């Protein structure tokens, strides 16, 4: 049970964390992110809907109110489904303006970037600016590394989907040329999840496309000049292959893919699903300085709408002992919190939702999250990547 916390003001008490409906309709995908970022009493969110509309808003912790969402772009084209154009958001370190990025998949579209007109304010943005060259893009991440901002995206060229990035040294106003970072190692495509802590970018990549053969997961990180394996050994010049890093998980328990990651005490940690047709496991991986240690958190009882990605879990920001994941209870998926006190040997479960008439899907932990809003997720229905309706919910005090 989660205990109430005492305010600094005598005689007042903070309520325990609770499931809160943020009064907005939208969703995201597990490869893009962050979906939300926290700074100075607000959490900033960005999302899309099934029509391909791109929105941003801010949740004020003191009032527990989400601002009226700002429509940044309507009807973004997505040949693989609207969920593929979900945006990323961050708080710019230099002046705390809000930066949102998005991509359109198909044709000659390019990544686009919006910057808020005021610091710590996601209620008004300047016009979107397209960057880079024309091409076929999907997925987008925004990560701060030192004083630079990295926009990471999937880029199709010659029938192959690579990981590429653009780098801005002036807060997202101008961008350098596209850099190919990683090629698929087995098939024409691969999947990844990336996360930054300000001093490096951690990359979790699969070796296969997960449909031709069960995927393994590998880890590497970029320190600003060199791509390295988990132990720090250089992987050579870019571009690397998706299986060049350190093996995190084989496919003995089914194909795997990391959906959320963080750092804790300087060491990377992430959660992944593993599906072998019999069990759909949520597993945690932690780098201990010498090897990757894995533990099973929960068997989720299936996939939401048959989609493993949106059934994936989330690891708490900066806390490898806490995982959020949906698990099927009756006809629907409820959201649960899992905590370990023995380094993953066992996990205690506590419900975050009960009696749901729709599914709770795709939890995501905001960058720099606090107890005011420690995780967000979608509550609703999923049929396909372009047919979904989710309200945004959050867990916080």
Protein backbone atom coordinates (compact mmCIF):
# COMPACT_ATOMS: atom_id res chain seq x y z
CA UNK A 1 0.00 0.00 0.00
CA UNK A 2 1.22 3.48 -0.85
CA UNK A 3 1.23 5.77 2.19
CA UNK A 4 0.16 9.40 2.15
CA UNK A 5 2.97 11.92 2.30
CA UNK A 6 3.01 14.90 4.66
CA UNK A 7 3.09 18.43 3.29
CA UNK A 8 5.60 20.86 4.69
CA UNK A 9 2.64 22.88 5.98
CA UNK A 10 1.43 21.60 9.39
CA UNK A 11 -1.96 19.93 9.44
CA UNK A 12 -2.09 19.27 5.67
CA UNK A 13 -1.56 15.95 3.96
CA UNK A 14 -0.92 14.99 0.37
CA UNK A 15 -3.25 12.29 -0.93
CA UNK A 16 -1.76 9.00 -2.10
CA UNK A 17 -1.17 8.63 -5.85
CA UNK A 18 -4.34 8.00 -7.84
CA UNK A 19 -5.53 7.28 -11.37
CA UNK A 20 -6.34 10.68 -12.91
CA UNK A 21 -8.16 11.31 -16.19
CA UNK A 22 -6.27 14.18 -17.84
CA UNK A 23 -9.28 15.06 -20.05
CA UNK A 24 -7.54 14.68 -23.40
CA UNK A 25 -7.88 12.13 -26.18
CA UNK A 26 -4.67 10.83 -27.73
CA UNK A 27 -2.01 8.19 -27.96
CA UNK A 28 1.61 7.46 -28.90
CA UNK A 29 3.94 4.62 -29.87
CA UNK A 30 6.71 2.86 -27.97
CA UNK A 31 9.54 3.90 -30.31
CA UNK A 32 8.88 7.64 -30.22
CA UNK A 33 9.45 9.82 -27.19
CA UNK A 34 9.54 11.23 -24.69
CA UNK A 35 5.76 11.46 -24.76
CA UNK A 36 5.98 13.76 -21.74
CA UNK A 37 8.58 15.82 -19.85
CA UNK A 38 8.43 17.40 -16.40
CA UNK A 39 9.92 20.71 -15.26
CA UNK A 40 9.18 23.12 -12.40
CA UNK A 41 5.70 22.00 -11.42
CA UNK A 42 4.38 21.11 -14.86
CA UNK A 43 4.39 18.05 -17.09
CA UNK A 44 4.35 18.76 -20.83
CA UNK A 45 2.71 16.19 -23.11
CA UNK A 46 2.50 15.59 -26.86
CA UNK A 47 0.38 13.02 -28.70
CA UNK A 48 -1.53 12.15 -31.86
CA UNK A 49 -4.99 10.78 -32.59
CA UNK A 50 -6.19 8.26 -35.16
CA UNK A 51 -6.71 11.05 -37.71
CA UNK A 52 -3.01 11.94 -37.53
CA UNK A 53 -3.59 15.24 -35.68
CA UNK A 54 -0.64 16.35 -33.51
CA UNK A 55 -1.30 18.01 -30.12
CA UNK A 56 0.61 19.41 -27.15
CA UNK A 57 -0.51 20.57 -23.70
CA UNK A 58 0.73 21.05 -20.14
CA UNK A 59 -0.47 19.49 -16.89
CA UNK A 60 -0.12 21.82 -13.89
CA UNK A 61 0.71 19.80 -10.79
CA UNK A 62 -0.74 22.23 -8.24
CA UNK A 63 -4.18 22.38 -9.89
CA UNK A 64 -4.16 18.91 -11.50
CA UNK A 65 -5.54 20.47 -14.68
CA UNK A 66 -4.41 19.91 -18.28
CA UNK A 67 -4.39 23.02 -20.47
CA UNK A 68 -6.50 23.21 -23.61
CA UNK A 69 -4.54 21.13 -26.15
CA UNK A 70 -2.83 23.05 -28.97
CA UNK A 71 -3.31 21.56 -32.45
CA UNK A 72 0.14 21.72 -34.04
CA UNK A 73 -0.68 19.87 -37.25
CA UNK A 74 -3.84 18.31 -38.65
CA UNK A 75 -4.15 15.10 -40.64
CA UNK A 76 -0.53 14.05 -40.79
CA UNK A 77 -0.03 11.41 -43.50
CA UNK A 78 0.89 7.96 -42.24
CA UNK A 79 0.94 5.09 -44.74
CA UNK A 80 1.72 2.61 -41.95
CA UNK A 81 -0.92 4.02 -39.60
CA UNK A 82 -1.46 7.21 -37.64
CA UNK A 83 0.26 5.88 -34.53
CA UNK A 84 3.57 6.02 -36.45
CA UNK A 85 3.56 9.84 -36.56
CA UNK A 86 3.21 10.31 -32.79
CA UNK A 87 5.37 13.25 -31.62
CA UNK A 88 8.14 13.71 -29.05
CA UNK A 89 8.50 16.57 -26.57
CA UNK A 90 11.21 18.08 -24.36
CA UNK A 91 11.98 21.14 -22.25
CA UNK A 92 14.83 23.08 -23.87
CA UNK A 93 17.64 23.38 -21.27
CA UNK A 94 18.86 26.77 -22.45
CA UNK A 95 15.66 28.74 -21.75
CA UNK A 96 13.01 26.13 -20.85
CA UNK A 97 10.91 26.66 -23.94
CA UNK A 98 9.05 23.55 -25.10
CA UNK A 99 10.18 21.71 -28.24
CA UNK A 100 7.95 19.25 -30.10
CA UNK A 101 8.99 17.12 -33.08
CA UNK A 102 6.99 14.96 -35.48
CA UNK A 103 7.48 13.03 -38.69
CA UNK A 104 5.17 12.09 -41.55
CA UNK A 105 5.58 8.59 -42.96
CA UNK A 106 5.41 8.28 -46.73
CA UNK A 107 5.99 10.39 -49.82
CA UNK A 108 8.36 13.34 -49.54
CA UNK A 109 7.59 14.38 -45.98
CA UNK A 110 10.28 15.52 -43.55
CA UNK A 111 10.61 15.82 -39.78
CA UNK A 112 9.01 18.96 -38.35
CA UNK A 113 9.85 20.95 -35.21
CA UNK A 114 7.77 23.41 -33.16
CA UNK A 115 9.11 25.67 -30.37
CA UNK A 116 6.89 27.36 -27.80
CA UNK A 117 6.73 31.12 -27.85
CA UNK A 118 7.36 31.42 -24.09
CA UNK A 119 9.40 29.57 -21.49
CA UNK A 120 7.63 26.85 -19.48
CA UNK A 121 4.54 27.23 -21.64
CA UNK A 122 2.97 24.68 -23.98
CA UNK A 123 -0.13 26.76 -24.78
CA UNK A 124 1.31 28.63 -27.78
CA UNK A 125 3.89 27.63 -30.40
CA UNK A 126 5.59 29.17 -33.38
CA UNK A 127 5.04 27.75 -36.84
CA UNK A 128 6.37 24.29 -37.51
CA UNK A 129 9.66 24.13 -39.41
CA UNK A 130 10.53 21.18 -41.66
CA UNK A 131 14.13 19.99 -41.43
CA UNK A 132 16.45 17.78 -43.41
CA UNK A 133 15.81 16.34 -46.85
CA UNK A 134 12.73 14.76 -48.34
CA UNK A 135 12.29 11.05 -47.75
CA UNK A 136 10.24 8.40 -46.03
CA UNK A 137 10.41 8.78 -42.26
CA UNK A 138 8.62 7.27 -39.29
CA UNK A 139 8.97 7.53 -35.51
CA UNK A 140 10.79 10.39 -33.80
CA UNK A 141 12.72 10.98 -30.57
CA UNK A 142 14.07 14.18 -29.02
CA UNK A 143 17.05 13.85 -26.69
CA UNK A 144 19.29 16.45 -25.09
CA UNK A 145 22.99 15.65 -24.95
CA UNK A 146 25.10 18.37 -23.39
CA UNK A 147 24.06 21.58 -25.14
CA UNK A 148 22.84 19.75 -28.27
CA UNK A 149 19.41 18.40 -29.17
CA UNK A 150 19.22 15.14 -31.14
CA UNK A 151 16.21 14.37 -33.33
CA UNK A 152 16.29 10.63 -33.94
CA UNK A 153 14.11 9.06 -36.61
CA UNK A 154 13.64 5.96 -38.75
CA UNK A 155 14.52 6.60 -42.38
CA UNK A 156 13.72 4.34 -45.32
CA UNK A 157 16.23 4.25 -48.16
CA UNK A 158 16.63 1.62 -50.87
CA UNK A 159 14.14 -0.69 -49.18
CA UNK A 160 15.99 -0.57 -45.84
CA UNK A 161 14.96 1.25 -42.67
CA UNK A 162 17.92 2.80 -40.85
CA UNK A 163 18.20 4.74 -37.61
CA UNK A 164 19.29 8.30 -38.36
CA UNK A 165 19.57 11.56 -36.48
CA UNK A 166 19.82 15.30 -36.93
CA UNK A 167 21.66 17.43 -34.37
CA UNK A 168 20.94 21.04 -33.39
CA UNK A 169 23.37 23.16 -31.38
CA UNK A 170 21.04 26.18 -31.11
CA UNK A 171 18.02 24.69 -29.35
CA UNK A 172 16.26 23.31 -32.40
CA UNK A 173 16.30 26.44 -34.58
CA UNK A 174 18.72 25.00 -37.15
CA UNK A 175 19.86 21.42 -37.73
CA UNK A 176 22.86 19.65 -39.20
CA UNK A 177 22.78 17.09 -41.97
CA UNK A 178 21.19 13.69 -41.49
CA UNK A 179 23.59 11.12 -39.99
CA UNK A 180 22.96 7.40 -40.44
CA UNK A 181 23.56 5.81 -37.06
CA UNK A 182 22.57 2.15 -37.38
CA UNK A 183 21.64 -0.34 -40.10
CA UNK A 184 19.46 -3.43 -39.64
CA UNK A 185 21.62 -6.49 -39.06
CA UNK A 186 19.37 -9.26 -40.42
CA UNK A 187 16.25 -7.99 -42.17
CA UNK A 188 15.32 -4.82 -44.04
CA UNK A 189 14.30 -3.18 -40.77
CA UNK A 190 14.74 -3.34 -37.00
CA UNK A 191 13.21 -1.72 -33.92
CA UNK A 192 14.77 0.36 -31.17
CA UNK A 193 14.12 2.36 -28.04
CA UNK A 194 16.36 5.26 -27.06
CA UNK A 195 16.65 7.30 -23.87
CA UNK A 196 18.98 10.08 -22.73
CA UNK A 197 20.24 11.28 -19.36
CA UNK A 198 21.92 14.49 -20.53
CA UNK A 199 25.39 12.97 -20.88
CA UNK A 200 24.74 10.03 -23.22
CA UNK A 201 22.09 8.35 -25.38
CA UNK A 202 21.28 4.69 -24.63
CA UNK A 203 20.10 2.60 -27.60
CA UNK A 204 18.29 -0.74 -27.32
CA UNK A 205 18.04 -2.36 -30.75
CA UNK A 206 16.61 -5.61 -32.11
CA UNK A 207 18.46 -7.82 -34.58
CA UNK A 208 15.38 -8.79 -36.63
CA UNK A 209 12.11 -7.18 -37.67
CA UNK A 210 10.38 -9.51 -35.14
CA UNK A 211 8.14 -11.04 -37.83
CA UNK A 212 10.65 -13.03 -39.88
CA UNK A 213 12.26 -14.45 -36.72
CA UNK A 214 12.09 -13.83 -32.94
CA UNK A 215 14.22 -10.84 -32.05
CA UNK A 216 17.10 -10.49 -29.62
CA UNK A 217 17.93 -7.12 -28.03
CA UNK A 218 21.33 -5.39 -27.95
CA UNK A 219 22.49 -2.29 -26.09
CA UNK A 220 24.90 0.47 -27.05
CA UNK A 221 25.32 4.11 -26.12
CA UNK A 222 26.49 7.34 -27.74
CA UNK A 223 28.63 9.63 -25.59
CA UNK A 224 28.61 12.56 -28.01
CA UNK A 225 31.51 11.39 -30.15
CA UNK A 226 31.64 7.57 -30.06
CA UNK A 227 29.16 4.70 -30.15
CA UNK A 228 30.09 2.15 -27.45
CA UNK A 229 28.86 -1.19 -26.15
CA UNK A 230 27.55 -1.53 -22.60
CA UNK A 231 31.08 -1.94 -21.23
CA UNK A 232 32.39 1.18 -22.95
CA UNK A 233 34.26 -0.40 -25.86
CA UNK A 234 34.05 1.61 -29.09
CA UNK A 235 31.95 0.09 -31.88
CA UNK A 236 33.88 2.02 -34.50
CA UNK A 237 32.67 4.68 -36.89
CA UNK A 238 29.01 5.22 -37.76
CA UNK A 239 26.96 3.57 -39.03
CA UNK A 240 26.93 0.43 -36.87
CA UNK A 241 24.69 -2.60 -37.24
CA UNK A 242 21.82 -3.23 -34.86
CA UNK A 243 23.50 -6.30 -33.30
CA UNK A 244 26.93 -4.70 -32.78
CA UNK A 245 26.27 -3.78 -29.16
CA UNK A 246 26.14 -5.90 -26.01
CA UNK A 247 23.52 -8.66 -25.94
CA UNK A 248 20.79 -7.77 -23.43
CA UNK A 249 18.40 -10.66 -24.06
CA UNK A 250 18.29 -13.65 -26.34
CA UNK A 251 15.04 -15.02 -27.79
CA UNK A 252 14.79 -18.12 -25.60
CA UNK A 253 11.59 -16.80 -23.97
CA UNK A 254 10.30 -15.37 -27.26
CA UNK A 255 11.00 -12.35 -29.38
CA UNK A 256 11.84 -9.28 -27.29
CA UNK A 257 11.71 -5.52 -27.66
CA UNK A 258 12.45 -2.78 -25.11
CA UNK A 259 9.56 -0.33 -24.64
CA UNK A 260 10.93 1.84 -21.80
CA UNK A 261 14.32 2.61 -20.29
CA UNK A 262 16.01 4.82 -17.72
CA UNK A 263 19.25 5.16 -15.76
CA UNK A 264 19.58 4.49 -12.05
CA UNK A 265 22.82 5.13 -10.20
CA UNK A 266 24.57 5.63 -13.53
CA UNK A 267 23.57 2.22 -14.88
CA UNK A 268 21.03 1.73 -17.69
CA UNK A 269 17.87 -0.29 -17.09
CA UNK A 270 14.87 -1.12 -19.25
CA UNK A 271 11.73 -3.20 -19.55
CA UNK A 272 10.78 -5.41 -22.47
CA UNK A 273 8.12 -7.85 -23.49
CA UNK A 274 8.94 -11.46 -24.41
CA UNK A 275 6.40 -13.44 -26.43
CA UNK A 276 6.81 -17.14 -27.27
CA UNK A 277 3.19 -17.87 -28.18
CA UNK A 278 2.43 -19.33 -24.75
CA UNK A 279 3.36 -16.52 -22.38
CA UNK A 280 3.55 -12.74 -22.82
CA UNK A 281 6.08 -11.69 -20.25
CA UNK A 282 7.12 -8.26 -19.06
CA UNK A 283 10.82 -8.46 -18.11
CA UNK A 284 13.33 -6.01 -16.61
CA UNK A 285 16.98 -5.74 -17.64
CA UNK A 286 19.66 -3.94 -15.59
CA UNK A 287 23.33 -3.41 -16.45
CA UNK A 288 25.39 -4.07 -13.31
CA UNK A 289 28.70 -2.90 -14.74
CA UNK A 290 29.71 -6.31 -16.05
CA UNK A 291 26.61 -8.01 -17.47
CA UNK A 292 22.89 -7.58 -18.06
CA UNK A 293 20.73 -9.08 -15.30
CA UNK A 294 17.19 -10.04 -16.32
CA UNK A 295 14.12 -10.82 -14.23
CA UNK A 296 10.50 -11.55 -15.10
CA UNK A 297 8.06 -9.02 -13.69
CA UNK A 298 4.69 -10.46 -14.79
CA UNK A 299 2.89 -12.55 -17.39
CA UNK A 300 0.47 -10.05 -18.89
CA UNK A 301 -1.96 -12.62 -20.25
CA UNK A 302 -1.87 -11.56 -23.89
CA UNK A 303 -1.61 -8.47 -26.06
CA UNK A 304 -3.99 -5.53 -26.35
CA UNK A 305 -5.57 -5.76 -29.79
CA UNK A 306 -2.87 -8.28 -30.71
CA UNK A 307 -0.24 -5.51 -30.58
CA UNK A 308 2.75 -6.22 -28.35
CA UNK A 309 4.04 -2.65 -28.62
CA UNK A 310 1.06 -0.96 -26.97
CA UNK A 311 0.93 -3.70 -24.32
CA UNK A 312 4.50 -2.92 -23.28
CA UNK A 313 5.44 -1.70 -19.82
CA UNK A 314 7.32 1.31 -18.48
CA UNK A 315 10.09 1.61 -15.93
CA UNK A 316 9.90 4.46 -13.42
CA UNK A 317 12.10 7.47 -14.16
CA UNK A 318 15.42 7.02 -12.36
CA UNK A 319 14.14 4.02 -10.38
CA UNK A 320 14.89 0.51 -11.61
CA UNK A 321 12.87 -1.04 -8.76
CA UNK A 322 9.49 0.15 -10.06
CA UNK A 323 7.68 -0.98 -13.24
CA UNK A 324 4.25 -0.12 -14.63
CA UNK A 325 2.51 -2.62 -16.91
CA UNK A 326 -0.97 -3.61 -18.11
CA UNK A 327 -2.22 -7.10 -17.24
CA UNK A 328 -5.39 -8.76 -18.47
CA UNK A 329 -8.07 -9.12 -15.79
CA UNK A 330 -11.25 -10.68 -17.13
CA UNK A 331 -12.03 -9.09 -20.51
CA UNK A 332 -9.84 -5.99 -20.20
CA UNK A 333 -6.32 -4.91 -19.32
CA UNK A 334 -5.87 -3.11 -16.01
CA UNK A 335 -2.79 -1.04 -15.14
CA UNK A 336 -0.57 -2.29 -12.31
CA UNK A 337 2.51 -1.12 -10.44
CA UNK A 338 5.24 -3.66 -9.68
CA UNK A 339 7.94 -3.08 -7.08
CA UNK A 340 10.95 -5.20 -6.16
CA UNK A 341 12.94 -5.00 -2.96
CA UNK A 342 15.29 -7.87 -3.75
CA UNK A 343 16.80 -6.80 -7.09
CA UNK A 344 14.19 -8.53 -9.21
CA UNK A 345 14.00 -11.90 -7.47
CA UNK A 346 10.35 -11.14 -6.66
CA UNK A 347 7.88 -8.40 -7.53
CA UNK A 348 4.88 -7.13 -5.53
CA UNK A 349 1.82 -6.06 -7.50
CA UNK A 350 -0.62 -3.25 -6.69
CA UNK A 351 -3.53 -2.14 -8.94
CA UNK A 352 -3.63 1.34 -10.42
CA UNK A 353 -6.99 0.74 -12.13
CA UNK A 354 -9.88 -1.62 -11.34
CA UNK A 355 -13.17 -2.51 -12.99
CA UNK A 356 -12.18 -1.03 -16.34
CA UNK A 357 -14.60 -1.42 -19.25
CA UNK A 358 -11.87 -0.67 -21.80
CA UNK A 359 -8.14 -1.40 -21.94
CA UNK A 360 -5.33 0.45 -20.17
CA UNK A 361 -2.41 0.55 -22.60
CA UNK A 362 1.13 1.73 -23.28
CA UNK A 363 2.34 3.33 -20.03
CA UNK A 364 5.03 5.98 -20.43
CA UNK A 365 7.11 7.71 -17.75
CA UNK A 366 7.74 11.43 -18.33
CA UNK A 367 11.31 12.65 -18.57
CA UNK A 368 12.32 13.91 -15.10
CA UNK A 369 9.00 12.65 -13.69
CA UNK A 370 8.02 13.42 -10.12
CA UNK A 371 5.37 11.92 -7.83
CA UNK A 372 2.93 14.55 -9.09
CA UNK A 373 2.64 12.63 -12.38
CA UNK A 374 4.90 9.60 -12.43
CA UNK A 375 3.39 7.77 -15.42
CA UNK A 376 0.81 8.31 -18.16
CA UNK A 377 -1.08 5.80 -20.30
CA UNK A 378 -4.00 5.43 -22.70
CA UNK A 379 -7.44 4.19 -21.62
CA UNK A 380 -9.69 3.07 -24.45
CA UNK A 381 -9.73 0.79 -27.47
CA UNK A 382 -7.23 -0.24 -30.14
CA UNK A 383 -8.16 -1.97 -33.40
CA UNK A 384 -5.28 -1.01 -35.67
CA UNK A 385 -2.53 1.59 -35.98
CA UNK A 386 -5.07 3.99 -37.54
CA UNK A 387 -8.15 2.91 -35.59
CA UNK A 388 -7.81 3.69 -31.90
CA UNK A 389 -9.46 5.91 -29.30
CA UNK A 390 -7.68 6.51 -26.02
CA UNK A 391 -8.15 9.03 -23.22
CA UNK A 392 -4.91 10.02 -21.52
CA UNK A 393 -4.71 8.96 -17.88
CA UNK A 394 -1.95 9.53 -15.33
CA UNK A 395 -0.85 8.33 -11.90
CA UNK A 396 0.11 11.01 -9.43
CA UNK A 397 -0.58 12.84 -6.19
